[in-house]
C-alpha atoms as a PDB file:
ATOM      1  CA  UNK A   1     148.752  16.133 -32.617  1.00  0.00           C
ATOM      2  CA  UNK A   2     147.729  19.044 -30.409  1.00  0.00           C
ATOM      3  CA  UNK A   3     144.716  19.557 -28.175  1.00  0.00           C
ATOM      4  CA  UNK A   4     143.804  23.064 -27.017  1.00  0.00           C
ATOM      5  CA  UNK A   5     141.881  23.194 -23.746  1.00  0.00           C
ATOM      6  CA  UNK A   6     139.883  26.338 -23.025  1.00  0.00           C
ATOM      7  CA  UNK A   7     139.235  26.865 -19.313  1.00  0.00           C
ATOM      8  CA  UNK A   8     136.847  29.312 -17.644  1.00  0.00           C
ATOM      9  CA  UNK A   9     137.671  30.409 -14.121  1.00  0.00           C
ATOM     10  CA  UNK A  10     135.077  29.419 -11.556  1.00  0.00           C
ATOM     11  CA  UNK A  11     136.243  32.260  -9.324  1.00  0.00           C
ATOM     12  CA  UNK A  12     139.038  34.768  -8.854  1.00  0.00           C
ATOM     13  CA  UNK A  13     142.243  32.735  -8.490  1.00  0.00           C
ATOM     14  CA  UNK A  14     145.971  32.789  -9.117  1.00  0.00           C
ATOM     15  CA  UNK A  15     147.747  31.491 -12.208  1.00  0.00           C
ATOM     16  CA  UNK A  16     149.629  28.285 -11.302  1.00  0.00           C
ATOM     17  CA  UNK A  17     151.778  27.960 -14.430  1.00  0.00           C
ATOM     18  CA  UNK A  18     155.016  28.058 -12.430  1.00  0.00           C
ATOM     19  CA  UNK A  19     153.809  25.395  -9.992  1.00  0.00           C
ATOM     20  CA  UNK A  20     154.860  22.694 -12.409  1.00  0.00           C
ATOM     21  CA  UNK A  21     153.838  19.698 -10.290  1.00  0.00           C
ATOM     22  CA  UNK A  22     150.195  20.853 -10.122  1.00  0.00           C
ATOM     23  CA  UNK A  23     149.760  21.063 -13.882  1.00  0.00           C
ATOM     24  CA  UNK A  24     151.682  17.806 -14.281  1.00  0.00           C
ATOM     25  CA  UNK A  25     149.278  16.108 -11.878  1.00  0.00           C
ATOM     26  CA  UNK A  26     146.315  17.226 -13.964  1.00  0.00           C
ATOM     27  CA  UNK A  27     147.887  16.065 -17.235  1.00  0.00           C
ATOM     28  CA  UNK A  28     148.787  12.671 -15.767  1.00  0.00           C
ATOM     29  CA  UNK A  29     145.260  12.201 -14.408  1.00  0.00           C
ATOM     30  CA  UNK A  30     143.786  12.835 -17.868  1.00  0.00           C
ATOM     31  CA  UNK A  31     146.237  10.401 -19.480  1.00  0.00           C
ATOM     32  CA  UNK A  32     145.422   7.775 -16.837  1.00  0.00           C
ATOM     33  CA  UNK A  33     141.683   8.193 -17.422  1.00  0.00           C
ATOM     34  CA  UNK A  34     142.383   7.758 -21.139  1.00  0.00           C
ATOM     35  CA  UNK A  35     143.690   4.226 -20.525  1.00  0.00           C
ATOM     36  CA  UNK A  36     147.434   4.978 -20.656  1.00  0.00           C
ATOM     37  CA  UNK A  37     148.364   4.300 -17.028  1.00  0.00           C
ATOM     38  CA  UNK A  38     151.698   2.727 -18.041  1.00  0.00           C
ATOM     39  CA  UNK A  39     153.111   6.031 -19.301  1.00  0.00           C
ATOM     40  CA  UNK A  40     153.490   7.289 -15.734  1.00  0.00           C
ATOM     41  CA  UNK A  41     155.712   4.336 -14.834  1.00  0.00           C
ATOM     42  CA  UNK A  42     157.728   4.330 -18.068  1.00  0.00           C
ATOM     43  CA  UNK A  43     161.385   5.091 -17.420  1.00  0.00           C
ATOM     44  CA  UNK A  44     163.023   7.834 -19.421  1.00  0.00           C
ATOM     45  CA  UNK A  45     161.272   9.727 -22.187  1.00  0.00           C
ATOM     46  CA  UNK A  46     157.474   9.947 -22.202  1.00  0.00           C
ATOM     47  CA  UNK A  47     155.851  10.866 -25.559  1.00  0.00           C
ATOM     48  CA  UNK A  48     154.006  14.100 -24.803  1.00  0.00           C
ATOM     49  CA  UNK A  49     154.497  17.733 -23.840  1.00  0.00           C
ATOM     50  CA  UNK A  50     152.246  20.587 -22.786  1.00  0.00           C
ATOM     51  CA  UNK A  51     152.235  24.346 -22.446  1.00  0.00           C
ATOM     52  CA  UNK A  52     151.780  26.383 -19.326  1.00  0.00           C
ATOM     53  CA  UNK A  53     148.509  28.213 -18.758  1.00  0.00           C
ATOM     54  CA  UNK A  54     148.146  31.334 -20.851  1.00  0.00           C
ATOM     55  CA  UNK A  55     147.769  34.241 -20.729  1.00  0.00           C
ATOM     56  CA  UNK A  56     150.012  34.285 -17.674  1.00  0.00           C
ATOM     57  CA  UNK A  57     148.281  36.487 -15.104  1.00  0.00           C
ATOM     58  CA  UNK A  58     146.074  36.227 -12.051  1.00  0.00           C
ATOM     59  CA  UNK A  59     142.634  35.231 -13.251  1.00  0.00           C
ATOM     60  CA  UNK A  60     139.253  36.770 -12.599  1.00  0.00           C
ATOM     61  CA  UNK A  61     135.996  34.859 -12.372  1.00  0.00           C
ATOM     62  CA  UNK A  62     134.706  33.790 -15.829  1.00  0.00           C
ATOM     63  CA  UNK A  63     137.920  34.865 -17.587  1.00  0.00           C
ATOM     64  CA  UNK A  64     139.304  32.372 -20.115  1.00  0.00           C
ATOM     65  CA  UNK A  65     142.749  30.802 -20.232  1.00  0.00           C
ATOM     66  CA  UNK A  66     144.178  27.906 -22.254  1.00  0.00           C
ATOM     67  CA  UNK A  67     146.501  24.898 -22.084  1.00  0.00           C
ATOM     68  CA  UNK A  68     147.912  22.991 -25.069  1.00  0.00           C
ATOM     69  CA  UNK A  69     148.584  19.256 -24.811  1.00  0.00           C
ATOM     70  CA  UNK A  70     150.734  17.747 -27.582  1.00  0.00           C
ATOM     71  CA  UNK A  71     151.860  14.243 -28.495  1.00  0.00           C
ATOM     72  CA  UNK A  72     153.368  12.519 -31.564  1.00  0.00           C
ATOM     73  CA  UNK A  73     151.235   9.480 -30.664  1.00  0.00           C
ATOM     74  CA  UNK A  74     147.998   9.537 -32.655  1.00  0.00           C
ATOM     75  CA  UNK A  75     146.268   6.928 -30.484  1.00  0.00           C
ATOM     76  CA  UNK A  76     147.284   8.663 -27.258  1.00  0.00           C
ATOM     77  CA  UNK A  77     146.114  12.021 -28.618  1.00  0.00           C
ATOM     78  CA  UNK A  78     142.749  10.671 -29.761  1.00  0.00           C
ATOM     79  CA  UNK A  79     142.174   8.910 -26.430  1.00  0.00           C
ATOM     80  CA  UNK A  80     142.999  12.066 -24.460  1.00  0.00           C
ATOM     81  CA  UNK A  81     140.693  14.112 -26.685  1.00  0.00           C
ATOM     82  CA  UNK A  82     137.780  11.702 -26.194  1.00  0.00           C
ATOM     83  CA  UNK A  83     138.326  11.711 -22.433  1.00  0.00           C
ATOM     84  CA  UNK A  84     138.321  15.507 -22.320  1.00  0.00           C
ATOM     85  CA  UNK A  85     135.332  15.696 -24.668  1.00  0.00           C
ATOM     86  CA  UNK A  86     133.246  13.875 -22.042  1.00  0.00           C
ATOM     87  CA  UNK A  87     134.150  16.594 -19.545  1.00  0.00           C
ATOM     88  CA  UNK A  88     133.108  19.589 -21.622  1.00  0.00           C
ATOM     89  CA  UNK A  89     131.291  22.152 -19.467  1.00  0.00           C
ATOM     90  CA  UNK A  90     132.208  20.174 -16.362  1.00  0.00           C
ATOM     91  CA  UNK A  91     134.221  21.386 -13.383  1.00  0.00           C
ATOM     92  CA  UNK A  92     137.875  20.333 -13.309  1.00  0.00           C
ATOM     93  CA  UNK A  93     140.541  20.836 -10.656  1.00  0.00           C
ATOM     94  CA  UNK A  94     144.175  21.755 -11.236  1.00  0.00           C
ATOM     95  CA  UNK A  95     145.969  21.935  -7.928  1.00  0.00           C
ATOM     96  CA  UNK A  96     143.778  23.993  -5.644  1.00  0.00           C
ATOM     97  CA  UNK A  97     142.147  25.908  -8.521  1.00  0.00           C
ATOM     98  CA  UNK A  98     138.809  25.202 -10.214  1.00  0.00           C
ATOM     99  CA  UNK A  99     137.803  25.727 -13.841  1.00  0.00           C
ATOM    100  CA  UNK A 100     135.075  24.794 -16.268  1.00  0.00           C
ATOM    101  CA  UNK A 101     136.276  23.079 -19.446  1.00  0.00           C
ATOM    102  CA  UNK A 102     134.448  25.404 -21.823  1.00  0.00           C
ATOM    103  CA  UNK A 103     135.892  24.386 -25.204  1.00  0.00           C
ATOM    104  CA  UNK A 104     138.194  21.883 -26.885  1.00  0.00           C
ATOM    105  CA  UNK A 105     140.027  21.970 -30.217  1.00  0.00           C
ATOM    106  CA  UNK A 106     142.243  19.488 -32.054  1.00  0.00           C
ATOM    107  CA  UNK A 107     144.889  20.298 -34.667  1.00  0.00           C
ATOM    108  CA  UNK A 108     147.902  18.811 -36.424  1.00  0.00           C
ATOM    109  CA  UNK A 109     150.915  21.095 -36.588  1.00  0.00           C
ATOM    110  CA  UNK A 110     153.469  20.566 -39.363  1.00  0.00           C
ATOM    111  CA  UNK A 111     156.100  22.586 -41.210  1.00  0.00           C
ATOM    112  CA  UNK A 112     154.725  23.667 -44.583  1.00  0.00           C
ATOM    113  CA  UNK A 113     156.593  26.832 -45.573  1.00  0.00           C
ATOM    114  CA  UNK A 114     159.782  28.765 -44.923  1.00  0.00           C
ATOM    115  CA  UNK A 115     161.178  30.676 -43.193  1.00  0.00           C
ATOM    116  CA  UNK A 116     159.861  28.636 -40.274  1.00  0.00           C
ATOM    117  CA  UNK A 117     160.242  30.011 -36.753  1.00  0.00           C
ATOM    118  CA  UNK A 118     159.439  28.617 -33.339  1.00  0.00           C
ATOM    119  CA  UNK A 119     159.691  30.023 -29.832  1.00  0.00           C
ATOM    120  CA  UNK A 120     160.111  28.153 -26.571  1.00  0.00           C
ATOM    121  CA  UNK A 121     156.934  28.421 -24.507  1.00  0.00           C
ATOM    122  CA  UNK A 122     158.235  26.588 -21.420  1.00  0.00           C
ATOM    123  CA  UNK A 123     161.964  26.541 -20.544  1.00  0.00           C
ATOM    124  CA  UNK A 124     164.285  23.929 -22.059  1.00  0.00           C
ATOM    125  CA  UNK A 125     166.126  21.783 -19.536  1.00  0.00           C
ATOM    126  CA  UNK A 126     169.331  20.188 -20.841  1.00  0.00           C
ATOM    127  CA  UNK A 127     171.854  18.253 -18.792  1.00  0.00           C
ATOM    128  CA  UNK A 128     175.363  17.690 -20.089  1.00  0.00           C
ATOM    129  CA  UNK A 129     176.457  14.231 -18.874  1.00  0.00           C
ATOM    130  CA  UNK A 130     179.926  13.814 -17.430  1.00  0.00           C
ATOM    131  CA  UNK A 131     180.991  11.475 -20.244  1.00  0.00           C
ATOM    132  CA  UNK A 132     180.508  14.346 -22.734  1.00  0.00           C
ATOM    133  CA  UNK A 133     182.630  16.911 -20.892  1.00  0.00           C
ATOM    134  CA  UNK A 134     185.707  16.306 -23.034  1.00  0.00           C
ATOM    135  CA  UNK A 135     183.694  15.917 -26.232  1.00  0.00           C
ATOM    136  CA  UNK A 136     182.054  19.312 -25.711  1.00  0.00           C
ATOM    137  CA  UNK A 137     185.120  21.052 -24.221  1.00  0.00           C
ATOM    138  CA  UNK A 138     183.360  21.893 -20.971  1.00  0.00           C
ATOM    139  CA  UNK A 139     185.574  24.292 -18.953  1.00  0.00           C
ATOM    140  CA  UNK A 140     187.216  22.595 -15.973  1.00  0.00           C
ATOM    141  CA  UNK A 141     185.717  25.097 -13.550  1.00  0.00           C
ATOM    142  CA  UNK A 142     182.201  24.112 -14.665  1.00  0.00           C
ATOM    143  CA  UNK A 143     182.625  20.341 -14.353  1.00  0.00           C
ATOM    144  CA  UNK A 144     180.733  18.513 -11.626  1.00  0.00           C
ATOM    145  CA  UNK A 145     180.134  14.812 -10.894  1.00  0.00           C
ATOM    146  CA  UNK A 146     177.460  13.095 -13.052  1.00  0.00           C
ATOM    147  CA  UNK A 147     176.185  16.098 -15.041  1.00  0.00           C
ATOM    148  CA  UNK A 148     175.731  19.851 -15.256  1.00  0.00           C
ATOM    149  CA  UNK A 149     172.792  21.905 -16.480  1.00  0.00           C
ATOM    150  CA  UNK A 150     173.540  23.961 -19.564  1.00  0.00           C
ATOM    151  CA  UNK A 151     173.866  27.679 -18.891  1.00  0.00           C
ATOM    152  CA  UNK A 152     175.510  30.569 -20.789  1.00  0.00           C
ATOM    153  CA  UNK A 153     178.977  30.109 -19.273  1.00  0.00           C
ATOM    154  CA  UNK A 154     179.080  26.762 -21.091  1.00  0.00           C
ATOM    155  CA  UNK A 155     179.590  27.069 -24.903  1.00  0.00           C
ATOM    156  CA  UNK A 156     176.430  27.717 -26.911  1.00  0.00           C
ATOM    157  CA  UNK A 157     177.557  25.055 -29.383  1.00  0.00           C
ATOM    158  CA  UNK A 158     177.292  22.546 -26.519  1.00  0.00           C
ATOM    159  CA  UNK A 159     173.637  23.406 -26.047  1.00  0.00           C
ATOM    160  CA  UNK A 160     172.849  22.809 -29.736  1.00  0.00           C
ATOM    161  CA  UNK A 161     174.822  19.548 -29.859  1.00  0.00           C
ATOM    162  CA  UNK A 162     173.118  18.186 -26.747  1.00  0.00           C
ATOM    163  CA  UNK A 163     169.686  19.394 -27.896  1.00  0.00           C
ATOM    164  CA  UNK A 164     170.196  17.662 -31.256  1.00  0.00           C
ATOM    165  CA  UNK A 165     171.352  14.422 -29.626  1.00  0.00           C
ATOM    166  CA  UNK A 166     168.396  14.451 -27.245  1.00  0.00           C
ATOM    167  CA  UNK A 167     165.803  15.048 -29.970  1.00  0.00           C
ATOM    168  CA  UNK A 168     167.185  12.339 -32.274  1.00  0.00           C
ATOM    169  CA  UNK A 169     167.360   9.887 -29.363  1.00  0.00           C
ATOM    170  CA  UNK A 170     163.688  10.499 -28.547  1.00  0.00           C
ATOM    171  CA  UNK A 171     162.736  10.177 -32.222  1.00  0.00           C
ATOM    172  CA  UNK A 172     164.563   6.844 -32.514  1.00  0.00           C
ATOM    173  CA  UNK A 173     163.006   5.619 -29.280  1.00  0.00           C
ATOM    174  CA  UNK A 174     159.503   6.488 -30.441  1.00  0.00           C
ATOM    175  CA  UNK A 175     159.713   5.177 -34.014  1.00  0.00           C
ATOM    176  CA  UNK A 176     162.225   2.363 -33.531  1.00  0.00           C
ATOM    177  CA  UNK A 177     164.666   3.912 -36.026  1.00  0.00           C
ATOM    178  CA  UNK A 178     168.453   4.145 -35.864  1.00  0.00           C
ATOM    179  CA  UNK A 179     169.194   7.618 -37.184  1.00  0.00           C
ATOM    180  CA  UNK A 180     172.705   8.835 -36.418  1.00  0.00           C
ATOM    181  CA  UNK A 181     173.277  12.374 -35.251  1.00  0.00           C
ATOM    182  CA  UNK A 182     172.642  14.886 -38.020  1.00  0.00           C
ATOM    183  CA  UNK A 183     172.516  18.664 -37.919  1.00  0.00           C
ATOM    184  CA  UNK A 184     169.034  19.921 -37.063  1.00  0.00           C
ATOM    185  CA  UNK A 185     169.344  23.599 -36.166  1.00  0.00           C
ATOM    186  CA  UNK A 186     170.152  26.444 -38.546  1.00  0.00           C
ATOM    187  CA  UNK A 187     169.645  29.659 -36.569  1.00  0.00           C
ATOM    188  CA  UNK A 188     169.079  29.901 -32.841  1.00  0.00           C
ATOM    189  CA  UNK A 189     168.623  32.853 -30.522  1.00  0.00           C
ATOM    190  CA  UNK A 190     169.220  32.688 -26.797  1.00  0.00           C
ATOM    191  CA  UNK A 191     166.826  34.823 -24.738  1.00  0.00           C
ATOM    192  CA  UNK A 192     167.273  34.199 -21.024  1.00  0.00           C
ATOM    193  CA  UNK A 193     167.904  31.733 -18.205  1.00  0.00           C
ATOM    194  CA  UNK A 194     165.309  30.435 -15.767  1.00  0.00           C
ATOM    195  CA  UNK A 195     166.162  29.082 -12.319  1.00  0.00           C
ATOM    196  CA  UNK A 196     163.471  27.385 -10.253  1.00  0.00           C
ATOM    197  CA  UNK A 197     162.640  24.180  -8.375  1.00  0.00           C
ATOM    198  CA  UNK A 198     160.938  20.903  -9.262  1.00  0.00           C
ATOM    199  CA  UNK A 199     158.954  18.654  -6.966  1.00  0.00           C
ATOM    200  CA  UNK A 200     159.852  15.007  -7.666  1.00  0.00           C
ATOM    201  CA  UNK A 201     158.518  12.272  -5.373  1.00  0.00           C
ATOM    202  CA  UNK A 202     157.791  14.894  -2.744  1.00  0.00           C
ATOM    203  CA  UNK A 203     161.321  16.331  -2.794  1.00  0.00           C
ATOM    204  CA  UNK A 204     162.367  19.737  -4.103  1.00  0.00           C
ATOM    205  CA  UNK A 205     165.214  19.970  -6.638  1.00  0.00           C
ATOM    206  CA  UNK A 206     166.777  23.083  -8.141  1.00  0.00           C
ATOM    207  CA  UNK A 207     167.294  23.323 -11.887  1.00  0.00           C
ATOM    208  CA  UNK A 208     168.543  25.693 -14.577  1.00  0.00           C
ATOM    209  CA  UNK A 209     166.714  26.051 -17.913  1.00  0.00           C
ATOM    210  CA  UNK A 210     166.696  28.475 -20.828  1.00  0.00           C
ATOM    211  CA  UNK A 211     164.394  30.243 -23.274  1.00  0.00           C
ATOM    212  CA  UNK A 212     165.206  30.300 -27.009  1.00  0.00           C
ATOM    213  CA  UNK A 213     163.775  30.868 -30.460  1.00  0.00           C
ATOM    214  CA  UNK A 214     164.776  28.944 -33.604  1.00  0.00           C
ATOM    215  CA  UNK A 215     164.562  29.608 -37.334  1.00  0.00           C
ATOM    216  CA  UNK A 216     165.029  27.594 -40.541  1.00  0.00           C
ATOM    217  CA  UNK A 217     165.225  28.689 -44.178  1.00  0.00           C
ATOM    218  CA  UNK A 218     165.066  25.099 -45.409  1.00  0.00           C
ATOM    219  CA  UNK A 219     165.011  21.512 -44.086  1.00  0.00           C
ATOM    220  CA  UNK A 220     165.720  18.137 -45.648  1.00  0.00           C
ATOM    221  CA  UNK A 221     162.993  15.490 -45.500  1.00  0.00           C
ATOM    222  CA  UNK A 222     164.470  13.735 -42.453  1.00  0.00           C
ATOM    223  CA  UNK A 223     165.237  17.007 -40.665  1.00  0.00           C
ATOM    224  CA  UNK A 224     161.625  18.066 -41.184  1.00  0.00           C
ATOM    225  CA  UNK A 225     160.338  14.764 -39.760  1.00  0.00           C
ATOM    226  CA  UNK A 226     162.445  15.134 -36.625  1.00  0.00           C
ATOM    227  CA  UNK A 227     161.580  18.808 -36.049  1.00  0.00           C
ATOM    228  CA  UNK A 228     157.878  18.037 -36.641  1.00  0.00           C
ATOM    229  CA  UNK A 229     158.230  15.317 -34.019  1.00  0.00           C
ATOM    230  CA  UNK A 230     159.788  17.826 -31.613  1.00  0.00           C
ATOM    231  CA  UNK A 231     156.884  20.236 -32.062  1.00  0.00           C
ATOM    232  CA  UNK A 232     154.683  17.705 -30.259  1.00  0.00           C
ATOM    233  CA  UNK A 233     157.195  15.711 -28.203  1.00  0.00           C
ATOM    234  CA  UNK A 234     158.978  18.770 -26.806  1.00  0.00           C
ATOM    235  CA  UNK A 235     162.606  19.959 -26.884  1.00  0.00           C
ATOM    236  CA  UNK A 236     165.149  18.917 -24.289  1.00  0.00           C
ATOM    237  CA  UNK A 237     164.376  16.986 -21.097  1.00  0.00           C
ATOM    238  CA  UNK A 238     161.521  16.727 -18.595  1.00  0.00           C
ATOM    239  CA  UNK A 239     158.866  17.314 -21.269  1.00  0.00           C
ATOM    240  CA  UNK A 240     156.355  15.287 -19.238  1.00  0.00           C
ATOM    241  CA  UNK A 241     156.902  17.700 -16.339  1.00  0.00           C
ATOM    242  CA  UNK A 242     156.031  20.774 -18.397  1.00  0.00           C
ATOM    243  CA  UNK A 243     159.346  21.766 -20.001  1.00  0.00           C
ATOM    244  CA  UNK A 244     160.515  22.287 -23.575  1.00  0.00           C
ATOM    245  CA  UNK A 245     157.106  23.030 -25.114  1.00  0.00           C
ATOM    246  CA  UNK A 246     157.517  25.029 -28.348  1.00  0.00           C
ATOM    247  CA  UNK A 247     155.163  27.018 -30.552  1.00  0.00           C
ATOM    248  CA  UNK A 248     155.477  28.267 -34.132  1.00  0.00           C
ATOM    249  CA  UNK A 249     155.700  32.020 -34.668  1.00  0.00           C
ATOM    250  CA  UNK A 250     152.874  32.892 -37.015  1.00  0.00           C
ATOM    251  CA  UNK A 251     153.365  36.082 -38.999  1.00  0.00           C
ATOM    252  CA  UNK A 252     150.173  37.823 -39.999  1.00  0.00           C
ATOM    253  CA  UNK A 253     149.951  38.650 -43.690  1.00  0.00           C
ATOM    254  CA  UNK A 254     148.066  41.725 -44.748  1.00  0.00           C
ATOM    255  CA  UNK A 255     146.175  41.726 -48.033  1.00  0.00           C
END
């Protein structure tokens, strides 16, 4: 389930999409007001993802930008929607910026036809744990204690294996299933790396993440279920902090 928030700038102000902790604070406040306070304290995976603000540019007064909130949890999605609905046309704060919530839309995104393509909207963070170094043939020079972030000098096959394992693990956690690792990705296209910093509990941490697009010509029933889940849950790690949000690539058809 996806919720599209349309925001109108109260005044000229900067775009804060890359200040991840500010947008995360807003999302968490909405979830808390929706009656899901326990999600913030839940260890590990949290069942939602969200886009950055778009279009990405400094904003002028009364200009419109959008945020997409997504979750595989129907009840969570409906509760968040109802909470936001009560705030339509009201002033909201994200970090030190002010907006009016001017419109709200709800949609369900599923794979219906092929070829199906998606693009990463916010960078995918993937850590390769130390216990997988031998399994994934991580070069000795790249090995560090505990984990490493995936980056192009680590095999691309490692990225896909770890991404697959992560997505299936989240799916099993959410639905209480016990699906073993299966192949999920057919074609994948690396675009670029992103290096930035995260604020966690008031401390700043560096990270490496990457931008990709993916394509499928066909999917089995279970593959489709898991990829559909990922469309709302997010790809990779730190989805609840604004990473791994993906969007379908819609091709316009001319009559």
